[in-house]
Amino acid sequence: MRIIAYDELKDPTQFAILADSAFNWTATPGRVAERRKLDSRYRDPFGFGMLDGRTLAGFVGVMDIKVRTRFGEVISAGGIHNVMTRPDYVRKGIAARLLSRAHTHFRSKGYVFSFLFTLRSLVAWRLYDRLGYVEMPLSGRQAPAVYRVRPVRGRPARLRPRSRLDYSAVERVFDEHWGEKRSAFARDPGWLRGRMKWRVSARSLIVDREGFAYVETDKDATSIYEFIARSRPAYERLLGRIEALNRPAIVHYLVHDPMLLKLYRLRGFTLRPRAFFVLMAKPLGHLSLRSAFGPGFSWSPFDQF
């Protein structure tokens, strides 16, 4: 078996089958190309695959990300995505070998940390732990999630599509909120426009002059994935618009503003004490995670990869 870069794959069907089996993502060459074009974090070589003859036995994606240290410095780091192994090749060390290749790639670029997202319930969590990845604790400002379930009357409302959206205004609110010296992911200018072309619908953004919320809805629930505002009145206005969608359940994943958390408590939301979805990181050099990022790290579901 040999390791090759994604762009060296001769048969795109092999990668599409593997991705569809692992993540229900039909990864055609066009879709992969679109992701690499629209999200600056997905650069060359996109990832590494393990070939057994003509069979793609496994794959590990790599990306370039930026993180802010506890001192406010923005540094480049490696990101791991789409860790996949064919069912008939499990327990043969393929994922470990591909992750080792990814770490070598990151070190060649001078990166001293590698990050990935996973679930505590996945078998892969033990592999990451064995390879030196540790869970990054949430910063003291964050709560894993809040929930509220209530019976509703009447028909659910619909999110209204926006004809115009001031991308820079939304990004400015984000930068102001996250611009303090705290450990967190950093975003390049223009990140929102790129995300909206392949991941986020304009219909899902609720925008106020002093804040915004990114939500997804179905007939039973409204899920909030990012919610930032400059003031308590702005939070109240935006939350009122979210509540007006009239779904039985509202859940907000990763609440990072104490002001908003206090408002949720006043509105009858319940705090979930622990998250199953976690961020893990591995030092690739002499610098420790705690010395670089302190006791906690802040991130949003919008940052997931």
C-alpha atoms as a PDB file:
ATOM      1  CA  MET A   1       0.000   0.000   0.000  1.00  0.00           C
ATOM      2  CA  ARG A   2       1.137   3.543  -0.701  1.00  0.00           C
ATOM      3  CA  ILE A   3       0.125   7.054   0.309  1.00  0.00           C
ATOM      4  CA  ILE A   4      -0.743   9.622  -2.354  1.00  0.00           C
ATOM      5  CA  ALA A   5      -2.114  13.177  -2.329  1.00  0.00           C
ATOM      6  CA  TYR A   6      -5.759  13.779  -3.238  1.00  0.00           C
ATOM      7  CA  ASP A   7      -4.855  15.314  -6.621  1.00  0.00           C
ATOM      8  CA  GLU A   8      -2.986  12.120  -7.553  1.00  0.00           C
ATOM      9  CA  LEU A   9      -6.141   9.999  -7.348  1.00  0.00           C
ATOM     10  CA  LYS A  10      -6.893   8.469 -10.747  1.00  0.00           C
ATOM     11  CA  ASP A  11     -10.432   7.299 -10.000  1.00  0.00           C
ATOM     12  CA  PRO A  12     -12.715   9.981  -8.434  1.00  0.00           C
ATOM     13  CA  THR A  13     -15.435   7.355  -7.936  1.00  0.00           C
ATOM     14  CA  GLN A  14     -13.329   5.709  -5.219  1.00  0.00           C
ATOM     15  CA  PHE A  15     -13.203   8.915  -3.201  1.00  0.00           C
ATOM     16  CA  ALA A  16     -16.913   9.644  -3.741  1.00  0.00           C
ATOM     17  CA  ILE A  17     -17.868   6.164  -2.500  1.00  0.00           C
ATOM     18  CA  LEU A  18     -15.636   6.474   0.569  1.00  0.00           C
ATOM     19  CA  ALA A  19     -16.963   9.920   1.496  1.00  0.00           C
ATOM     20  CA  ASP A  20     -20.565   8.925   0.932  1.00  0.00           C
ATOM     21  CA  SER A  21     -20.170   5.841   3.110  1.00  0.00           C
ATOM     22  CA  ALA A  22     -18.459   7.729   5.925  1.00  0.00           C
ATOM     23  CA  PHE A  23     -20.233  11.094   5.964  1.00  0.00           C
ATOM     24  CA  ASN A  24     -23.139  10.840   3.523  1.00  0.00           C
ATOM     25  CA  TRP A  25     -21.276  13.342   1.314  1.00  0.00           C
ATOM     26  CA  THR A  26     -21.225  12.575  -2.407  1.00  0.00           C
ATOM     27  CA  ALA A  27     -17.807  14.098  -2.974  1.00  0.00           C
ATOM     28  CA  THR A  28     -17.659  14.538  -6.741  1.00  0.00           C
ATOM     29  CA  PRO A  29     -14.574  16.318  -8.125  1.00  0.00           C
ATOM     30  CA  GLY A  30     -16.755  19.374  -8.751  1.00  0.00           C
ATOM     31  CA  ARG A  31     -17.955  19.553  -5.158  1.00  0.00           C
ATOM     32  CA  VAL A  32     -14.452  19.143  -3.787  1.00  0.00           C
ATOM     33  CA  ALA A  33     -13.173  21.830  -6.161  1.00  0.00           C
ATOM     34  CA  GLU A  34     -15.963  24.173  -5.077  1.00  0.00           C
ATOM     35  CA  ARG A  35     -15.134  23.692  -1.401  1.00  0.00           C
ATOM     36  CA  ARG A  36     -11.441  24.382  -2.052  1.00  0.00           C
ATOM     37  CA  LYS A  37     -12.315  27.506  -4.012  1.00  0.00           C
ATOM     38  CA  LEU A  38     -14.825  29.018  -1.616  1.00  0.00           C
ATOM     39  CA  ASP A  39     -13.218  28.217   1.734  1.00  0.00           C
ATOM     40  CA  SER A  40      -9.632  29.453   2.057  1.00  0.00           C
ATOM     41  CA  ARG A  41      -8.870  26.855   4.717  1.00  0.00           C
ATOM     42  CA  TYR A  42      -8.990  23.995   2.187  1.00  0.00           C
ATOM     43  CA  ARG A  43      -5.720  24.416   0.329  1.00  0.00           C
ATOM     44  CA  ASP A  44      -3.407  21.995  -1.444  1.00  0.00           C
ATOM     45  CA  PRO A  45      -3.043  19.093  -1.107  1.00  0.00           C
ATOM     46  CA  PHE A  46      -6.567  18.764   0.425  1.00  0.00           C
ATOM     47  CA  GLY A  47      -5.591  15.405   1.890  1.00  0.00           C
ATOM     48  CA  PHE A  48      -3.814  12.070   1.616  1.00  0.00           C
ATOM     49  CA  GLY A  49      -5.194   8.697   0.592  1.00  0.00           C
ATOM     50  CA  MET A  50      -3.981   5.124   1.115  1.00  0.00           C
ATOM     51  CA  LEU A  51      -4.066   3.029  -2.040  1.00  0.00           C
ATOM     52  CA  ASP A  52      -4.095  -0.773  -2.011  1.00  0.00           C
ATOM     53  CA  GLY A  53      -3.613  -1.454  -5.699  1.00  0.00           C
ATOM     54  CA  ARG A  54      -6.451   0.556  -7.220  1.00  0.00           C
ATOM     55  CA  THR A  55      -8.573   0.548  -4.068  1.00  0.00           C
ATOM     56  CA  LEU A  56      -8.745   3.665  -1.897  1.00  0.00           C
ATOM     57  CA  ALA A  57      -8.557   2.098   1.546  1.00  0.00           C
ATOM     58  CA  GLY A  58      -8.582   5.316   3.577  1.00  0.00           C
ATOM     59  CA  PHE A  59      -8.248   9.069   3.502  1.00  0.00           C
ATOM     60  CA  VAL A  60      -7.302  11.922   5.845  1.00  0.00           C
ATOM     61  CA  GLY A  61      -7.960  15.524   4.831  1.00  0.00           C
ATOM     62  CA  VAL A  62      -5.628  18.390   5.704  1.00  0.00           C
ATOM     63  CA  MET A  63      -6.274  22.108   5.806  1.00  0.00           C
ATOM     64  CA  ASP A  64      -4.640  25.397   6.788  1.00  0.00           C
ATOM     65  CA  ILE A  65      -6.353  27.195   9.653  1.00  0.00           C
ATOM     66  CA  LYS A  66      -5.596  30.236  11.786  1.00  0.00           C
ATOM     67  CA  VAL A  67      -5.884  30.407  15.555  1.00  0.00           C
ATOM     68  CA  ARG A  68      -5.510  33.232  18.053  1.00  0.00           C
ATOM     69  CA  THR A  69      -3.279  32.569  21.060  1.00  0.00           C
ATOM     70  CA  ARG A  70      -3.953  33.740  24.589  1.00  0.00           C
ATOM     71  CA  PHE A  71      -1.714  36.763  23.843  1.00  0.00           C
ATOM     72  CA  GLY A  72      -3.766  37.897  20.819  1.00  0.00           C
ATOM     73  CA  GLU A  73      -1.251  36.650  18.236  1.00  0.00           C
ATOM     74  CA  VAL A  74      -2.750  34.939  15.152  1.00  0.00           C
ATOM     75  CA  ILE A  75      -0.748  31.898  14.025  1.00  0.00           C
ATOM     76  CA  SER A  76      -1.202  29.257  11.332  1.00  0.00           C
ATOM     77  CA  ALA A  77      -1.965  25.666  12.291  1.00  0.00           C
ATOM     78  CA  GLY A  78      -3.032  22.412  10.706  1.00  0.00           C
ATOM     79  CA  GLY A  79      -6.573  21.087  10.567  1.00  0.00           C
ATOM     80  CA  ILE A  80      -7.679  17.476  10.068  1.00  0.00           C
ATOM     81  CA  HIS A  81     -10.934  16.729   8.213  1.00  0.00           C
ATOM     82  CA  ASN A  82     -12.702  13.743   6.655  1.00  0.00           C
ATOM     83  CA  VAL A  83     -10.872  10.876   8.388  1.00  0.00           C
ATOM     84  CA  MET A  84     -12.233   7.836   6.524  1.00  0.00           C
ATOM     85  CA  THR A  85     -11.416   4.109   6.296  1.00  0.00           C
ATOM     86  CA  ARG A  86     -13.187   1.494   4.180  1.00  0.00           C
ATOM     87  CA  PRO A  87     -15.033  -1.031   6.399  1.00  0.00           C
ATOM     88  CA  ASP A  88     -13.007  -3.947   4.992  1.00  0.00           C
ATOM     89  CA  TYR A  89      -9.743  -2.198   5.930  1.00  0.00           C
ATOM     90  CA  VAL A  90     -10.417  -1.246   9.554  1.00  0.00           C
ATOM     91  CA  ARG A  91      -7.983  -2.245  12.328  1.00  0.00           C
ATOM     92  CA  LYS A  92      -5.043  -2.272   9.925  1.00  0.00           C
ATOM     93  CA  GLY A  93      -3.468   0.993  11.081  1.00  0.00           C
ATOM     94  CA  ILE A  94      -4.429   2.902   7.951  1.00  0.00           C
ATOM     95  CA  ALA A  95      -5.868   5.967   9.716  1.00  0.00           C
ATOM     96  CA  ALA A  96      -2.844   6.147  12.029  1.00  0.00           C
ATOM     97  CA  ARG A  97      -0.436   6.049   9.087  1.00  0.00           C
ATOM     98  CA  LEU A  98      -2.371   8.726   7.215  1.00  0.00           C
ATOM     99  CA  LEU A  99      -2.542  10.961  10.294  1.00  0.00           C
ATOM    100  CA  SER A 100       1.225  10.566  10.717  1.00  0.00           C
ATOM    101  CA  ARG A 101       1.634  11.671   7.081  1.00  0.00           C
ATOM    102  CA  ALA A 102      -0.596  14.678   7.772  1.00  0.00           C
ATOM    103  CA  HIS A 103       1.487  15.642  10.814  1.00  0.00           C
ATOM    104  CA  THR A 104       4.668  15.435   8.712  1.00  0.00           C
ATOM    105  CA  HIS A 105       3.021  17.736   6.173  1.00  0.00           C
ATOM    106  CA  PHE A 106       2.087  20.250   8.892  1.00  0.00           C
ATOM    107  CA  ARG A 107       5.594  20.239  10.366  1.00  0.00           C
ATOM    108  CA  SER A 108       7.053  20.894   6.903  1.00  0.00           C
ATOM    109  CA  LYS A 109       4.971  24.092   6.829  1.00  0.00           C
ATOM    110  CA  GLY A 110       6.174  25.141  10.263  1.00  0.00           C
ATOM    111  CA  TYR A 111       2.887  24.475  12.050  1.00  0.00           C
ATOM    112  CA  VAL A 112       3.253  23.612  15.731  1.00  0.00           C
ATOM    113  CA  PHE A 113      -0.352  22.476  16.344  1.00  0.00           C
ATOM    114  CA  SER A 114      -2.909  20.228  14.660  1.00  0.00           C
ATOM    115  CA  PHE A 115      -6.656  20.501  15.347  1.00  0.00           C
ATOM    116  CA  LEU A 116      -9.643  18.258  14.628  1.00  0.00           C
ATOM    117  CA  PHE A 117     -13.304  17.910  15.584  1.00  0.00           C
ATOM    118  CA  THR A 118     -14.837  14.612  16.683  1.00  0.00           C
ATOM    119  CA  LEU A 119     -17.442  12.981  18.923  1.00  0.00           C
ATOM    120  CA  ARG A 120     -16.602  11.360  22.223  1.00  0.00           C
ATOM    121  CA  SER A 121     -18.779   8.421  21.219  1.00  0.00           C
ATOM    122  CA  LEU A 122     -16.758   7.594  18.070  1.00  0.00           C
ATOM    123  CA  VAL A 123     -14.183   4.802  18.041  1.00  0.00           C
ATOM    124  CA  ALA A 124     -11.774   7.278  16.409  1.00  0.00           C
ATOM    125  CA  TRP A 125     -11.636   9.292  19.654  1.00  0.00           C
ATOM    126  CA  ARG A 126      -9.393   6.600  21.183  1.00  0.00           C
ATOM    127  CA  LEU A 127      -7.097   6.708  18.154  1.00  0.00           C
ATOM    128  CA  TYR A 128      -6.716  10.473  18.419  1.00  0.00           C
ATOM    129  CA  ASP A 129      -6.054  10.168  22.154  1.00  0.00           C
ATOM    130  CA  ARG A 130      -3.358   7.544  21.520  1.00  0.00           C
ATOM    131  CA  LEU A 131      -1.700   9.795  18.921  1.00  0.00           C
ATOM    132  CA  GLY A 132      -1.380  12.658  21.414  1.00  0.00           C
ATOM    133  CA  TYR A 133      -4.540  14.664  20.757  1.00  0.00           C
ATOM    134  CA  VAL A 134      -6.253  16.127  23.815  1.00  0.00           C
ATOM    135  CA  GLU A 135      -9.649  17.737  24.209  1.00  0.00           C
ATOM    136  CA  MET A 136      -9.534  21.523  24.254  1.00  0.00           C
ATOM    137  CA  PRO A 137     -11.655  22.716  27.194  1.00  0.00           C
ATOM    138  CA  LEU A 138     -14.168  25.430  26.458  1.00  0.00           C
ATOM    139  CA  SER A 139     -13.305  28.866  27.673  1.00  0.00           C
ATOM    140  CA  GLY A 140     -15.048  29.954  30.855  1.00  0.00           C
ATOM    141  CA  ARG A 141     -17.238  32.237  28.729  1.00  0.00           C
ATOM    142  CA  GLN A 142     -18.891  29.335  26.903  1.00  0.00           C
ATOM    143  CA  ALA A 143     -21.757  26.983  27.719  1.00  0.00           C
ATOM    144  CA  PRO A 144     -22.076  23.734  25.686  1.00  0.00           C
ATOM    145  CA  ALA A 145     -25.743  24.274  24.775  1.00  0.00           C
ATOM    146  CA  VAL A 146     -29.073  25.617  25.975  1.00  0.00           C
ATOM    147  CA  TYR A 147     -32.512  24.145  25.256  1.00  0.00           C
ATOM    148  CA  ARG A 148     -36.128  25.151  25.611  1.00  0.00           C
ATOM    149  CA  VAL A 149     -39.077  22.951  24.637  1.00  0.00           C
ATOM    150  CA  ARG A 150     -42.610  24.338  24.802  1.00  0.00           C
ATOM    151  CA  PRO A 151     -45.904  23.517  23.117  1.00  0.00           C
ATOM    152  CA  VAL A 152     -46.828  26.087  20.477  1.00  0.00           C
ATOM    153  CA  ARG A 153     -50.068  27.142  18.893  1.00  0.00           C
ATOM    154  CA  GLY A 154     -50.587  28.008  15.287  1.00  0.00           C
ATOM    155  CA  ARG A 155     -48.512  27.292  12.237  1.00  0.00           C
ATOM    156  CA  PRO A 156     -44.715  27.664  12.242  1.00  0.00           C
ATOM    157  CA  ALA A 157     -43.441  30.836  10.611  1.00  0.00           C
ATOM    158  CA  ARG A 158     -40.879  30.766   7.821  1.00  0.00           C
ATOM    159  CA  LEU A 159     -37.557  32.509   7.560  1.00  0.00           C
ATOM    160  CA  ARG A 160     -37.790  35.241   4.965  1.00  0.00           C
ATOM    161  CA  PRO A 161     -35.164  35.242   2.231  1.00  0.00           C
ATOM    162  CA  ARG A 162     -32.981  38.333   2.219  1.00  0.00           C
ATOM    163  CA  SER A 163     -32.630  40.270  -1.014  1.00  0.00           C
ATOM    164  CA  ARG A 164     -29.535  42.098   0.201  1.00  0.00           C
ATOM    165  CA  LEU A 165     -26.992  41.280   2.876  1.00  0.00           C
ATOM    166  CA  ASP A 166     -24.169  43.485   4.138  1.00  0.00           C
ATOM    167  CA  TYR A 167     -21.431  40.891   4.504  1.00  0.00           C
ATOM    168  CA  SER A 168     -18.914  43.351   5.905  1.00  0.00           C
ATOM    169  CA  ALA A 169     -21.335  44.512   8.610  1.00  0.00           C
ATOM    170  CA  VAL A 170     -21.866  40.953   9.856  1.00  0.00           C
ATOM    171  CA  GLU A 171     -18.124  40.271   9.821  1.00  0.00           C
ATOM    172  CA  ARG A 172     -17.505  43.550  11.671  1.00  0.00           C
ATOM    173  CA  VAL A 173     -19.841  42.509  14.492  1.00  0.00           C
ATOM    174  CA  PHE A 174     -17.999  39.187  14.704  1.00  0.00           C
ATOM    175  CA  ASP A 175     -14.550  40.838  14.740  1.00  0.00           C
ATOM    176  CA  GLU A 176     -15.575  43.300  17.441  1.00  0.00           C
ATOM    177  CA  HIS A 177     -16.936  40.528  19.615  1.00  0.00           C
ATOM    178  CA  TRP A 178     -13.994  38.146  19.186  1.00  0.00           C
ATOM    179  CA  GLY A 179     -11.282  40.774  18.949  1.00  0.00           C
ATOM    180  CA  GLU A 180     -10.219  40.482  22.580  1.00  0.00           C
ATOM    181  CA  LYS A 181      -7.130  38.559  23.602  1.00  0.00           C
ATOM    182  CA  ARG A 182      -8.662  35.128  23.898  1.00  0.00           C
ATOM    183  CA  SER A 183      -7.821  31.737  22.452  1.00  0.00           C
ATOM    184  CA  ALA A 184     -10.068  31.124  19.451  1.00  0.00           C
ATOM    185  CA  PHE A 185     -10.170  30.389  15.735  1.00  0.00           C
ATOM    186  CA  ALA A 186      -9.434  33.380  13.510  1.00  0.00           C
ATOM    187  CA  ARG A 187     -11.313  34.044  10.267  1.00  0.00           C
ATOM    188  CA  ASP A 188     -10.000  35.622   7.100  1.00  0.00           C
ATOM    189  CA  PRO A 189     -11.746  38.697   5.660  1.00  0.00           C
ATOM    190  CA  GLY A 190     -14.579  37.600   3.402  1.00  0.00           C
ATOM    191  CA  TRP A 191     -15.228  34.352   5.260  1.00  0.00           C
ATOM    192  CA  LEU A 192     -19.003  34.858   5.306  1.00  0.00           C
ATOM    193  CA  ARG A 193     -19.401  35.273   1.542  1.00  0.00           C
ATOM    194  CA  GLY A 194     -17.456  32.058   0.933  1.00  0.00           C
ATOM    195  CA  ARG A 195     -19.414  30.060   3.533  1.00  0.00           C
ATOM    196  CA  MET A 196     -22.719  31.249   2.102  1.00  0.00           C
ATOM    197  CA  LYS A 197     -21.857  29.960  -1.353  1.00  0.00           C
ATOM    198  CA  TRP A 198     -21.425  26.372  -0.250  1.00  0.00           C
ATOM    199  CA  ARG A 199     -22.655  25.927   3.305  1.00  0.00           C
ATOM    200  CA  VAL A 200     -24.996  28.664   4.523  1.00  0.00           C
ATOM    201  CA  SER A 201     -28.193  30.001   2.997  1.00  0.00           C
ATOM    202  CA  ALA A 202     -29.027  33.710   3.185  1.00  0.00           C
ATOM    203  CA  ARG A 203     -32.435  32.536   4.378  1.00  0.00           C
ATOM    204  CA  SER A 204     -30.734  31.200   7.533  1.00  0.00           C
ATOM    205  CA  LEU A 205     -29.228  34.526   8.638  1.00  0.00           C
ATOM    206  CA  ILE A 206     -31.264  36.803  10.891  1.00  0.00           C
ATOM    207  CA  VAL A 207     -29.571  40.193  10.819  1.00  0.00           C
ATOM    208  CA  ASP A 208     -30.025  43.227  13.041  1.00  0.00           C
ATOM    209  CA  ARG A 209     -28.183  46.538  12.864  1.00  0.00           C
ATOM    210  CA  GLU A 210     -26.227  45.450  15.944  1.00  0.00           C
ATOM    211  CA  GLY A 211     -25.944  41.701  15.549  1.00  0.00           C
ATOM    212  CA  PHE A 212     -26.808  38.512  13.696  1.00  0.00           C
ATOM    213  CA  ALA A 213     -27.895  34.911  14.253  1.00  0.00           C
ATOM    214  CA  TYR A 214     -27.338  31.917  11.994  1.00  0.00           C
ATOM    215  CA  VAL A 215     -30.185  29.422  12.459  1.00  0.00           C
ATOM    216  CA  GLU A 216     -31.557  26.300  10.828  1.00  0.00           C
ATOM    217  CA  THR A 217     -35.182  25.241  11.162  1.00  0.00           C
ATOM    218  CA  ASP A 218     -37.403  22.255  10.563  1.00  0.00           C
ATOM    219  CA  LYS A 219     -41.019  21.729  11.574  1.00  0.00           C
ATOM    220  CA  ASP A 220     -40.118  20.918  15.190  1.00  0.00           C
ATOM    221  CA  ALA A 221     -37.017  22.919  16.108  1.00  0.00           C
ATOM    222  CA  THR A 222     -34.912  26.004  15.571  1.00  0.00           C
ATOM    223  CA  SER A 223     -31.189  25.337  15.919  1.00  0.00           C
ATOM    224  CA  ILE A 224     -28.896  28.319  16.543  1.00  0.00           C
ATOM    225  CA  TYR A 225     -25.301  27.884  15.422  1.00  0.00           C
ATOM    226  CA  GLU A 226     -23.971  31.405  15.882  1.00  0.00           C
ATOM    227  CA  PHE A 227     -25.544  34.335  17.707  1.00  0.00           C
ATOM    228  CA  ILE A 228     -23.622  37.561  18.335  1.00  0.00           C
ATOM    229  CA  ALA A 229     -24.805  41.055  19.220  1.00  0.00           C
ATOM    230  CA  ARG A 230     -23.297  44.250  20.558  1.00  0.00           C
ATOM    231  CA  SER A 231     -25.793  44.856  23.370  1.00  0.00           C
ATOM    232  CA  ARG A 232     -28.511  43.314  25.521  1.00  0.00           C
ATOM    233  CA  PRO A 233     -31.317  45.108  23.595  1.00  0.00           C
ATOM    234  CA  ALA A 234     -29.921  43.728  20.330  1.00  0.00           C
ATOM    235  CA  TYR A 235     -29.901  40.204  21.748  1.00  0.00           C
ATOM    236  CA  GLU A 236     -33.505  40.676  22.899  1.00  0.00           C
ATOM    237  CA  ARG A 237     -34.623  41.876  19.452  1.00  0.00           C
ATOM    238  CA  LEU A 238     -32.918  39.003  17.648  1.00  0.00           C
ATOM    239  CA  LEU A 239     -34.109  36.380  20.125  1.00  0.00           C
ATOM    240  CA  GLY A 240     -37.634  37.732  19.710  1.00  0.00           C
ATOM    241  CA  ARG A 241     -37.392  37.127  15.960  1.00  0.00           C
ATOM    242  CA  ILE A 242     -36.084  33.609  16.590  1.00  0.00           C
ATOM    243  CA  GLU A 243     -38.918  32.861  18.998  1.00  0.00           C
ATOM    244  CA  ALA A 244     -41.395  34.245  16.445  1.00  0.00           C
ATOM    245  CA  LEU A 245     -40.500  31.325  14.154  1.00  0.00           C
ATOM    246  CA  ASN A 246     -42.825  29.402  16.477  1.00  0.00           C
ATOM    247  CA  ARG A 247     -41.073  26.039  16.766  1.00  0.00           C
ATOM    248  CA  PRO A 248     -41.649  23.706  19.717  1.00  0.00           C
ATOM    249  CA  ALA A 249     -37.919  23.537  20.504  1.00  0.00           C
ATOM    250  CA  ILE A 250     -35.058  26.039  20.405  1.00  0.00           C
ATOM    251  CA  VAL A 251     -31.474  24.910  20.921  1.00  0.00           C
ATOM    252  CA  HIS A 252     -28.323  27.016  20.794  1.00  0.00           C
ATOM    253  CA  TYR A 253     -25.029  25.164  20.548  1.00  0.00           C
ATOM    254  CA  LEU A 254     -22.035  26.768  22.279  1.00  0.00           C
ATOM    255  CA  VAL A 255     -23.226  29.966  23.924  1.00  0.00           C
ATOM    256  CA  HIS A 256     -20.110  32.086  24.397  1.00  0.00           C
ATOM    257  CA  ASP A 257     -21.489  35.418  25.674  1.00  0.00           C
ATOM    258  CA  PRO A 258     -22.387  35.652  29.408  1.00  0.00           C
ATOM    259  CA  MET A 259     -24.867  38.420  28.554  1.00  0.00           C
ATOM    260  CA  LEU A 260     -26.753  36.096  26.205  1.00  0.00           C
ATOM    261  CA  LEU A 261     -26.573  33.183  28.636  1.00  0.00           C
ATOM    262  CA  LYS A 262     -28.182  35.328  31.323  1.00  0.00           C
ATOM    263  CA  LEU A 263     -30.953  36.282  28.886  1.00  0.00           C
ATOM    264  CA  TYR A 264     -31.552  32.621  28.045  1.00  0.00           C
ATOM    265  CA  ARG A 265     -31.941  31.783  31.713  1.00  0.00           C
ATOM    266  CA  LEU A 266     -34.465  34.564  32.138  1.00  0.00           C
ATOM    267  CA  ARG A 267     -36.409  33.181  29.153  1.00  0.00           C
ATOM    268  CA  GLY A 268     -36.629  29.701  30.692  1.00  0.00           C
ATOM    269  CA  PHE A 269     -33.869  27.885  28.802  1.00  0.00           C
ATOM    270  CA  THR A 270     -32.077  24.888  30.347  1.00  0.00           C
ATOM    271  CA  LEU A 271     -28.287  24.516  30.275  1.00  0.00           C
ATOM    272  CA  ARG A 272     -26.766  21.255  29.050  1.00  0.00           C
ATOM    273  CA  PRO A 273     -23.648  20.664  31.163  1.00  0.00           C
ATOM    274  CA  ARG A 274     -21.419  18.861  28.640  1.00  0.00           C
ATOM    275  CA  ALA A 275     -20.995  18.568  24.889  1.00  0.00           C
ATOM    276  CA  PHE A 276     -20.450  15.306  23.012  1.00  0.00           C
ATOM    277  CA  PHE A 277     -18.941  17.100  20.027  1.00  0.00           C
ATOM    278  CA  VAL A 278     -15.423  18.190  20.949  1.00  0.00           C
ATOM    279  CA  LEU A 279     -12.377  19.979  19.603  1.00  0.00           C
ATOM    280  CA  MET A 280      -9.074  18.131  19.992  1.00  0.00           C
ATOM    281  CA  ALA A 281      -5.551  19.403  19.414  1.00  0.00           C
ATOM    282  CA  LYS A 282      -2.047  17.976  19.263  1.00  0.00           C
ATOM    283  CA  PRO A 283       1.271  19.821  19.753  1.00  0.00           C
ATOM    284  CA  LEU A 284       3.671  19.217  16.851  1.00  0.00           C
ATOM    285  CA  GLY A 285       6.647  20.959  18.398  1.00  0.00           C
ATOM    286  CA  HIS A 286       8.037  22.118  21.723  1.00  0.00           C
ATOM    287  CA  LEU A 287       5.209  24.567  22.506  1.00  0.00           C
ATOM    288  CA  SER A 288       2.466  23.208  24.776  1.00  0.00           C
ATOM    289  CA  LEU A 289      -1.231  23.787  24.251  1.00  0.00           C
ATOM    290  CA  ARG A 290      -1.682  25.421  27.646  1.00  0.00           C
ATOM    291  CA  SER A 291       1.200  27.850  27.208  1.00  0.00           C
ATOM    292  CA  ALA A 292      -0.180  28.939  23.817  1.00  0.00           C
ATOM    293  CA  PHE A 293      -3.916  28.942  24.515  1.00  0.00           C
ATOM    294  CA  GLY A 294      -4.354  29.055  28.281  1.00  0.00           C
ATOM    295  CA  PRO A 295      -6.995  27.147  30.240  1.00  0.00           C
ATOM    296  CA  GLY A 296      -9.781  27.346  27.637  1.00  0.00           C
ATOM    297  CA  PHE A 297     -10.482  27.752  23.916  1.00  0.00           C
ATOM    298  CA  SER A 298     -13.447  29.494  22.250  1.00  0.00           C
ATOM    299  CA  TRP A 299     -15.057  28.240  19.054  1.00  0.00           C
ATOM    300  CA  SER A 300     -18.356  28.264  17.227  1.00  0.00           C
ATOM    301  CA  PRO A 301     -20.108  25.567  15.139  1.00  0.00           C
ATOM    302  CA  PHE A 302     -19.455  27.955  12.246  1.00  0.00           C
ATOM    303  CA  ASP A 303     -15.746  27.084  12.660  1.00  0.00           C
ATOM    304  CA  GLN A 304     -16.220  23.320  12.345  1.00  0.00           C
ATOM    305  CA  PHE A 305     -14.384  21.360   9.700  1.00  0.00           C
END
